[in-house]
Protein backbone atom coordinates (compact mmCIF):
# COMPACT_ATOMS: atom_id res chain seq x y z
CA MET A 1 -13.40 103.25 15.40
CA SER A 2 -10.94 101.28 17.32
CA HIS A 3 -7.14 102.06 17.92
CA ARG A 4 -5.63 99.80 16.27
CA HIS A 5 -8.05 100.66 12.97
CA LEU A 6 -6.38 103.87 13.17
CA LEU A 7 -2.51 102.54 13.61
CA PHE A 8 -3.78 101.26 10.48
CA ALA A 9 -5.46 103.48 8.38
CA ALA A 10 -2.02 105.59 9.56
CA VAL A 11 0.69 103.66 7.38
CA PRO A 12 -0.54 103.87 4.01
CA LEU A 13 -2.09 107.62 5.14
CA LEU A 14 1.90 108.69 5.87
CA GLY A 15 3.41 106.24 3.28
CA VAL A 16 1.33 108.79 0.83
CA LEU A 17 2.08 112.43 2.26
CA GLY A 18 5.54 111.30 3.33
CA PHE A 19 6.47 109.82 0.15
CA GLY A 20 3.89 112.27 -2.28
CA LEU A 21 5.62 115.19 -0.30
CA HIS A 22 9.03 114.13 -0.26
CA VAL A 23 8.99 114.22 3.58
CA THR A 24 11.62 111.95 5.26
CA ALA A 25 10.22 111.72 8.91
CA LEU A 26 6.22 110.59 8.00
CA ALA A 27 7.59 108.40 5.75
CA ALA A 28 10.17 107.01 7.63
CA PHE A 29 7.42 106.95 10.54
CA SER A 30 4.78 105.08 7.88
CA VAL A 31 7.21 102.58 7.34
CA GLY A 32 8.54 102.35 11.12
CA GLU A 33 4.80 101.30 12.02
CA ALA A 34 4.37 99.38 9.17
CA ALA A 35 7.46 96.84 10.95
CA LEU A 36 5.95 97.31 14.39
CA LEU A 37 2.47 96.34 13.21
CA LEU A 38 4.27 93.13 11.41
CA SER A 39 6.44 92.36 14.18
CA ALA A 40 3.18 92.01 16.58
CA TYR A 41 1.47 90.39 14.24
CA LEU A 42 4.46 87.66 13.85
CA LEU A 43 5.15 87.63 17.54
CA ALA A 44 0.87 86.47 18.45
CA ARG A 45 1.68 84.38 15.85
CA LEU A 46 4.79 82.20 17.37
CA SER A 47 3.62 82.62 21.01
CA LEU A 48 0.07 80.96 19.85
CA ARG A 49 1.61 78.33 18.16
CA GLY A 50 3.89 77.37 21.28
CA LEU A 51 0.70 77.19 23.23
CA SER A 52 -0.68 73.87 24.33
CA LEU A 53 -3.77 73.68 27.15
CA ARG A 54 -4.57 70.25 29.15
CA ARG A 55 -7.52 69.88 31.08
CA GLU A 56 -7.50 68.13 34.88
CA LEU A 57 -11.18 67.15 36.11
CA GLU A 58 -12.40 64.33 37.91
CA GLY A 59 -14.91 62.01 35.20
CA SER A 60 -17.98 62.57 37.72
CA ALA A 61 -19.25 65.06 40.96
CA PHE A 62 -22.76 64.71 42.91
CA GLU A 63 -25.11 67.23 41.70
CA ASP A 64 -24.59 70.72 43.94
CA ASP A 65 -21.26 69.67 44.29
CA PRO A 66 -18.37 72.04 43.74
CA VAL A 67 -15.58 71.62 41.56
CA ALA A 68 -12.51 72.47 40.61
CA VAL A 69 -10.44 72.47 37.26
CA GLY A 70 -7.27 72.64 36.38
CA VAL A 71 -6.23 73.61 33.58
CA VAL A 72 -2.11 73.59 32.57
CA LEU A 73 -0.68 76.05 30.12
CA ALA A 74 2.07 75.25 28.26
CA ASN A 75 4.40 77.16 26.11
CA ARG A 76 6.13 75.01 24.30
CA GLY A 77 8.64 77.73 21.72
CA ARG A 78 10.64 80.10 22.55
CA ALA A 79 8.75 83.14 22.19
CA ALA A 80 6.94 84.57 25.29
CA ALA A 81 3.24 84.67 25.78
CA HIS A 82 1.14 87.50 26.66
CA LEU A 83 -2.39 87.89 27.04
CA VAL A 84 -3.67 84.86 27.25
CA GLU A 85 -6.74 84.22 27.98
CA VAL A 86 -8.79 80.43 28.24
CA VAL A 87 -12.35 80.24 27.61
CA ASP A 88 -13.71 76.27 28.51
CA GLY A 89 -17.34 75.17 28.56
CA PHE A 90 -18.32 73.34 31.88
CA GLY A 91 -22.18 71.46 30.60
CA PRO A 92 -23.02 70.49 34.41
CA ALA A 93 -22.59 74.97 35.26
CA LEU A 94 -25.66 77.06 34.33
CA ALA A 95 -23.11 79.08 33.63
CA ALA A 96 -21.40 76.81 31.01
CA ARG A 97 -18.68 79.15 29.46
CA GLN A 98 -15.43 79.56 32.05
CA ARG A 99 -13.03 82.68 31.46
CA LEU A 100 -9.00 82.03 32.62
CA LEU A 101 -6.63 85.38 32.39
CA GLU A 102 -3.13 84.49 32.74
CA PRO A 103 -1.97 88.91 31.32
CA GLY A 104 2.56 86.82 31.24
CA PRO A 105 4.36 86.98 29.86
CA LEU A 106 4.57 83.41 30.31
CA ARG A 107 7.76 82.27 29.24
CA GLY A 108 9.22 79.90 26.59
CA ARG A 109 9.36 76.37 27.86
CA ARG A 110 7.50 76.45 31.17
CA GLN A 111 3.82 76.18 31.90
CA ARG A 112 1.27 77.51 34.74
CA ARG A 113 -1.36 75.62 36.14
CA LEU A 114 -4.87 77.78 35.84
CA THR A 115 -7.71 76.95 38.08
CA TYR A 116 -11.61 77.58 38.04
CA ARG A 117 -14.24 77.02 40.35
CA THR A 118 -18.23 76.04 39.33
CA SER A 119 -20.53 73.37 40.73
CA CYS A 120 -22.85 71.05 39.36
CA SER A 121 -25.65 73.37 39.48
CA ARG A 122 -27.66 70.60 36.39
CA LYS A 123 -29.93 67.75 37.71
CA TRP A 124 -27.64 64.76 36.85
CA GLY A 125 -27.17 63.32 33.60
CA LEU A 126 -23.82 62.88 31.14
CA TYR A 127 -22.56 66.43 30.01
CA GLY A 128 -19.41 67.12 28.51
CA VAL A 129 -16.32 69.66 29.54
CA GLY A 130 -15.20 71.55 26.37
CA PRO A 131 -14.30 72.49 24.40
CA LEU A 132 -10.93 74.59 25.56
CA VAL A 133 -10.65 78.22 23.26
CA LEU A 134 -6.65 79.54 23.36
CA ARG A 135 -6.53 83.10 22.72
CA VAL A 136 -3.71 85.43 22.96
CA ALA A 137 -2.19 88.68 21.53
CA ASP A 138 0.85 90.42 21.32
CA PRO A 139 1.98 92.05 24.01
CA LEU A 140 0.38 95.53 22.91
CA GLY A 141 -3.00 93.33 22.27
CA LEU A 142 -3.07 95.09 18.71
CA PHE A 143 -3.66 91.50 16.92
CA PRO A 144 -5.34 88.94 19.46
CA LEU A 145 -6.12 85.37 17.72
CA ARG A 146 -7.71 82.47 18.46
CA ARG A 147 -7.39 78.85 18.68
CA ALA A 148 -10.35 75.94 19.53
CA PHE A 149 -9.57 72.15 20.51
CA PRO A 150 -12.54 70.88 19.67
CA GLU A 151 -11.66 67.63 22.76
CA ILE A 152 -15.11 67.05 24.67
CA ALA A 153 -14.57 65.58 27.58
CA PRO A 154 -17.47 63.25 29.31
CA PHE A 155 -19.03 64.44 32.89
CA ALA A 156 -21.16 62.57 34.72
CA VAL A 157 -22.98 64.06 37.59
CA PHE A 158 -25.06 61.60 40.01
CA PRO A 159 -28.30 62.71 41.85
CA ARG A 160 -27.65 63.40 45.18
CA LEU A 161 -28.10 61.03 48.18
CA TYR A 162 -30.43 61.32 50.38
CA ASP A 163 -30.58 59.45 53.63
CA VAL A 164 -32.79 56.91 53.96
CA ALA A 165 -33.27 56.63 57.36
CA ALA A 166 -35.31 52.96 57.18
CA ALA A 167 -31.95 51.55 56.07
CA ARG A 168 -30.80 50.18 59.15
CA ARG A 169 -33.48 47.47 59.04
CA ILE A 170 -32.31 45.51 55.92
CA GLY A 171 -29.20 44.14 55.32
CA SER A 172 -26.71 43.21 57.70
CA ARG A 173 -27.22 42.69 61.65
CA PRO A 174 -26.03 45.62 64.68
CA THR A 175 -23.03 44.31 65.32
CA PRO A 176 -20.87 46.26 68.00
CA ALA A 177 -18.27 46.99 64.60
CA ALA A 178 -18.43 48.82 61.46
CA GLN A 179 -19.10 45.90 59.49
CA PRO A 180 -18.74 42.22 60.76
CA THR A 181 -17.19 40.16 57.47
CA THR A 182 -17.01 37.00 59.26
CA ALA A 183 -18.25 34.18 62.00
CA GLY A 184 -16.62 32.58 64.37
CA ARG A 185 -17.44 29.02 62.80
CA PRO A 186 -16.32 26.95 59.42
CA GLY A 187 -16.47 28.55 56.34
CA GLN A 188 -14.73 29.89 52.86
CA SER A 189 -13.90 32.89 53.96
CA LEU A 190 -9.44 33.96 53.88
CA GLU A 191 -9.44 34.83 58.19
CA TYR A 192 -8.16 31.78 59.34
CA LEU A 193 -10.05 29.81 62.22
CA GLY A 194 -8.05 26.46 63.19
CA THR A 195 -7.25 22.68 62.00
CA ARG A 196 -9.11 19.79 61.84
CA ASP A 197 -8.65 16.29 61.31
CA TYR A 198 -8.87 15.40 57.39
CA ARG A 199 -12.19 13.98 55.66
CA PRO A 200 -12.71 12.49 52.61
CA GLY A 201 -13.48 15.22 50.10
CA ASP A 202 -11.02 17.62 51.60
CA GLY A 203 -8.05 19.33 48.83
CA LEU A 204 -4.96 19.41 49.49
CA ARG A 205 -4.13 22.88 49.51
CA GLN A 206 -6.10 22.78 52.47
CA ILE A 207 -3.82 20.02 54.36
CA HIS A 208 -1.94 21.89 57.31
CA TRP A 209 1.11 20.08 56.91
CA PRO A 210 3.30 21.68 60.37
CA ALA A 211 0.42 20.46 62.27
CA THR A 212 0.03 17.29 60.12
CA ALA A 213 3.45 16.29 61.40
CA ARG A 214 3.36 17.14 64.54
CA ARG A 215 0.35 14.59 65.38
CA GLY A 216 1.72 12.24 62.38
CA ALA A 217 -2.60 12.34 60.64
CA LEU A 218 -3.71 14.16 58.11
CA THR A 219 -4.57 18.20 59.17
CA VAL A 220 -6.85 20.79 57.37
CA LYS A 221 -7.42 24.27 58.17
CA GLU A 222 -10.57 26.03 58.57
CA HIS A 223 -11.39 29.54 57.79
CA GLU A 224 -14.64 31.04 58.77
CA VAL A 225 -17.38 31.81 57.58
CA ASP A 226 -18.02 35.28 55.41
CA LEU A 227 -20.81 37.41 56.74
CA ALA A 228 -20.47 40.37 54.40
CA PRO A 229 -24.61 40.88 53.91
CA TYR A 230 -25.42 40.88 50.13
CA PHE A 231 -28.38 43.70 48.62
CA THR A 232 -29.67 43.54 44.78
CA LEU A 233 -31.70 46.20 43.55
CA PHE A 234 -34.32 46.04 40.70
CA LEU A 235 -35.80 48.92 38.92
CA ASP A 236 -39.01 49.18 37.30
CA LEU A 237 -37.91 50.55 33.88
CA GLU A 238 -41.60 49.49 32.05
CA ARG A 239 -42.60 52.17 29.30
CA ARG A 240 -45.84 52.20 30.00
CA HIS A 241 -45.11 52.99 33.89
CA ARG A 242 -43.62 56.44 33.07
CA ALA A 243 -45.22 59.30 33.62
CA GLY A 244 -44.34 63.42 34.45
CA THR A 245 -41.98 65.05 32.93
CA GLY A 246 -38.76 66.89 34.68
CA LEU A 247 -37.75 66.41 38.25
CA LYS A 248 -41.68 65.71 38.51
CA SER A 249 -41.35 62.05 36.48
CA THR A 250 -41.17 58.60 37.90
CA LEU A 251 -38.35 58.29 36.28
CA GLU A 252 -36.51 61.33 38.45
CA TYR A 253 -38.28 59.28 41.55
CA VAL A 254 -36.91 55.38 40.34
CA VAL A 255 -32.98 56.71 39.51
CA ARG A 256 -33.24 58.71 42.73
CA THR A 257 -34.88 56.23 45.04
CA ALA A 258 -32.36 53.29 43.53
CA ALA A 259 -29.36 55.71 43.82
CA SER A 260 -30.03 56.68 47.63
CA LEU A 261 -30.97 52.62 48.24
CA LEU A 262 -27.35 51.85 46.63
CA GLY A 263 -25.63 54.28 48.66
CA ALA A 264 -26.82 53.03 51.54
CA ALA A 265 -26.03 49.62 51.16
CA VAL A 266 -22.88 49.99 50.07
CA ARG A 267 -22.10 52.72 53.57
CA ARG A 268 -22.86 49.69 56.07
CA GLY A 269 -20.43 47.23 53.64
CA ASP A 270 -22.48 45.48 51.49
CA THR A 271 -22.16 43.93 47.93
CA VAL A 272 -24.55 45.01 45.76
CA GLN A 273 -26.07 44.43 42.37
CA ALA A 274 -28.52 46.12 40.50
CA PHE A 275 -30.89 44.62 37.57
CA GLY A 276 -33.01 46.31 35.25
CA ASP A 277 -34.29 46.11 31.43
CA GLY A 278 -35.30 49.22 29.53
CA ARG A 279 -34.05 51.12 26.30
CA ALA A 280 -30.97 48.75 27.15
CA PRO A 281 -30.29 46.13 29.63
CA LEU A 282 -29.01 47.46 33.22
CA PHE A 283 -27.02 45.47 34.84
CA VAL A 284 -24.23 46.02 37.62
CA PRO A 285 -21.99 42.86 38.56
CA PRO A 286 -21.70 42.04 42.45
CA GLY A 287 -18.80 44.85 44.08
CA ARG A 288 -18.31 46.27 47.23
CA GLY A 289 -17.03 50.36 47.79
CA ASP A 290 -17.33 53.47 46.57
CA LEU A 291 -15.16 52.66 43.27
CA HIS A 292 -18.39 50.22 42.73
CA LEU A 293 -20.97 52.45 43.94
CA ALA A 294 -19.08 55.03 41.31
CA HIS A 295 -19.92 52.53 38.43
CA ALA A 296 -23.58 51.49 39.42
CA LEU A 297 -24.45 55.21 39.48
CA TYR A 298 -23.20 56.25 36.52
CA GLU A 299 -24.88 52.80 34.64
CA LEU A 300 -28.37 54.91 36.50
CA LEU A 301 -27.42 57.87 34.58
CA ARG A 302 -28.46 55.73 31.17
CA VAL A 303 -31.80 53.93 32.06
CA ARG A 304 -34.97 55.21 30.48
CA GLN A 305 -38.63 53.52 30.97
CA GLU A 306 -38.90 52.24 27.76
CA GLY A 307 -38.82 48.67 28.35
CA ARG A 308 -41.34 45.96 28.11
CA VAL A 309 -40.37 43.27 30.68
CA PRO A 310 -42.66 43.76 33.96
CA LEU A 311 -40.11 43.76 37.18
CA LEU A 312 -41.79 40.86 38.55
CA THR A 313 -40.82 39.22 35.39
CA LEU A 314 -37.03 39.94 35.58
CA VAL A 315 -36.96 39.31 39.26
CA ASP A 316 -38.16 35.92 38.05
CA ARG A 317 -35.47 35.84 35.41
CA GLU A 318 -32.41 36.72 37.48
CA GLY A 319 -33.58 34.96 40.60
CA PRO A 320 -30.83 32.11 40.11
CA HIS A 321 -28.45 35.97 41.48
CA LEU A 322 -30.19 36.15 44.34
CA PRO A 323 -27.79 34.38 47.97
CA VAL A 324 -29.40 33.16 50.57
CA ARG A 325 -30.11 35.34 52.60
CA SER A 326 -29.72 38.77 51.47
CA THR A 327 -32.26 41.55 50.69
CA ALA A 328 -33.58 42.22 47.46
CA ALA A 329 -35.34 46.24 46.89
CA LEU A 330 -37.54 45.67 44.15
CA VAL A 331 -38.02 49.64 42.66
CA PHE A 332 -42.42 49.36 41.32
CA GLY A 333 -42.95 52.51 38.58
CA THR A 334 -46.54 52.26 39.69
CA ILE A 335 -49.16 51.20 42.27
CA ALA A 336 -51.08 48.88 39.87
CA LEU A 337 -50.01 45.85 40.97
CA ALA A 338 -53.11 42.25 41.89
CA GLU A 339 -52.18 41.14 45.65
CA ALA A 340 -52.02 38.28 44.17
CA ASP A 341 -49.09 38.16 42.22
CA LEU A 342 -47.31 40.25 45.05
CA GLU A 343 -47.85 37.27 47.24
CA GLY A 344 -46.28 34.92 44.53
CA LEU A 345 -42.96 37.63 44.96
CA PHE A 346 -42.93 37.07 48.73
CA LEU A 347 -43.19 33.38 48.72
CA ALA A 348 -40.71 32.63 46.29
CA LEU A 349 -38.47 34.87 48.05
CA ARG A 350 -38.98 33.75 51.35
CA ALA A 351 -37.97 30.11 49.54
CA ARG A 352 -34.35 31.47 49.42
CA ALA A 353 -34.68 32.94 52.51
CA VAL A 354 -34.88 36.30 50.63
CA ARG A 355 -35.67 39.46 52.49
CA PRO A 356 -37.93 42.10 50.80
CA LEU A 357 -37.88 45.85 49.91
CA LEU A 358 -40.43 47.23 48.43
CA VAL A 359 -41.08 50.81 46.83
CA PHE A 360 -43.92 51.46 44.55
CA ILE A 361 -44.30 55.06 42.82
CA ASP A 362 -47.78 55.72 42.32
CA ASP A 363 -47.62 56.57 38.65
CA SER A 364 -50.85 58.40 38.92
CA SER A 365 -49.89 61.23 41.42
CA PHE A 366 -47.27 62.27 37.88
CA VAL A 367 -49.01 64.22 34.73
CA PRO A 368 -49.78 60.78 32.60
CA ILE A 369 -48.03 60.26 28.84
CA ASP A 370 -49.25 57.06 27.64
CA ARG A 371 -52.74 56.69 29.18
CA TRP A 372 -55.45 58.07 31.45
CA ALA A 373 -54.33 58.28 35.37
CA LEU A 374 -56.37 56.34 38.04
CA PRO A 375 -58.75 59.02 40.06
CA ARG A 376 -57.58 59.93 42.86
CA ASP A 377 -59.45 58.52 45.00
CA GLU A 378 -59.35 55.00 43.18
CA ALA A 379 -55.37 55.10 43.80
CA LYS A 380 -55.01 56.34 47.37
CA ALA A 381 -57.01 53.00 48.26
CA ARG A 382 -54.48 51.31 46.10
CA ALA A 383 -51.71 52.87 48.29
CA ARG A 384 -53.27 51.97 51.56
CA ALA A 385 -54.23 48.57 50.57
CA LEU A 386 -50.65 48.00 49.19
CA LEU A 387 -48.90 49.34 53.18
CA ALA A 388 -51.35 47.51 54.41
CA TRP A 389 -50.44 44.33 52.51
CA MET A 390 -46.96 44.95 53.07
CA ASP A 391 -47.83 45.35 57.07
CA ALA A 392 -49.58 41.94 57.67
CA GLN A 393 -46.36 40.60 55.87
CA ASP A 394 -43.80 42.42 57.89
CA VAL A 395 -42.71 43.53 54.44
CA PRO A 396 -40.77 47.16 55.05
CA GLY A 397 -41.72 49.36 52.29
CA ALA A 398 -43.32 52.36 51.04
CA VAL A 399 -45.97 53.88 48.25
CA LEU A 400 -44.37 57.71 47.39
CA GLY A 401 -45.93 59.94 45.00
CA ALA A 402 -45.70 63.33 43.42
CA ASP A 403 -46.96 65.40 45.86
CA ASP A 404 -44.29 63.67 48.41
CA ASP A 405 -40.20 65.47 48.47
CA LEU A 406 -38.63 63.20 48.11
CA GLU A 407 -35.67 63.34 50.79
CA GLU A 408 -38.45 64.11 53.25
CA ALA A 409 -40.21 61.08 52.68
CA LEU A 410 -36.76 58.98 52.68
CA ALA A 411 -35.63 61.01 55.75
CA ARG A 412 -39.07 59.53 57.69
CA PRO A 413 -37.63 56.93 60.18
CA ARG A 414 -41.15 55.41 59.85
CA LEU A 415 -41.55 55.57 55.96
CA PHE A 416 -41.11 51.96 55.74
CA GLY A 417 -44.68 50.29 57.35
CA GLU A 418 -46.69 53.79 57.41
CA THR A 419 -49.91 54.24 56.50
CA PRO A 420 -52.02 57.30 54.87
């Protein structure tokens, strides 16, 4: 029996003995103890009523990243709060329950910021953080009370971005500058190049009025050409290509490869966009920078291999969105592709001066789900044929299987164009 139960039992016992035996001291002690317990309970209730919690947390992080979660504990009442314990649930961590202790006293109209540190130890996906649970007691710890804040905050864990060594061979041309954005020839950028004589069709906004006044003839402003490279990603989310489970699945390899390619393109300064057709259409509009990368990765977290549109059909449908002289990366979830179809894709992209980058996930190397896997000898023959075709066409690409460590495979300098 705990000390609290002993105190509770002592009140009626001492009262009965004091009044029954006419012992004033025992009766007074019983009344005093009852008043003390009642005061402690009311104090705990008042302090709990005046407390509020607010979580401070970014909405996303990468796998294995450390995360600091701040909890602002505010006492809006007048009574001081003692022995405050805050319990939070952090879904992305293996140890989901996180506890913080504030022994107090936290006086009225004051607030304190508590922080706990954890890490995103679970794989990529969408998780919840919360609910917050507040526990408080009176100064003696006799009456612990509890209050829950049921709000669940969404938290996105992005797949860890692997280094793609072959990314230097795609996208923008080599240059001493980190990112050339313009070229010294006429175009439509914001960088001023010079002036020239007016030509029929030039807009009034292009007229350079000071130069026109000096020369006595219409003169227009000329701007440089934008060189910001374009990178378009196409994902194969067709249902019949799914195979494997967990970390060894075609979906896992497709998403991680796509995330690494997008990360490499954004780091180069490319304008990136993405398309896919799974359970719901995947569309990432053109954009640049870290915020746009975060948006693209968030969209990747929602994809599932439950689509019915072949990737080649998707590329043909979205072809008008491919800028001339850009790069298009296609991540296939299978190696079961006819060479004739790839030839048609290559010719269509070359007609628009679009450079392809092809990554094939060998679905036969994973545990089959919807259909039987190809025999290993036949699957290896197909992989060699695909790589040989890409070498012949000078198309950068790779075939990745379940036996490949994805991080090591993408980091190989000669991954693209190698034959097994």
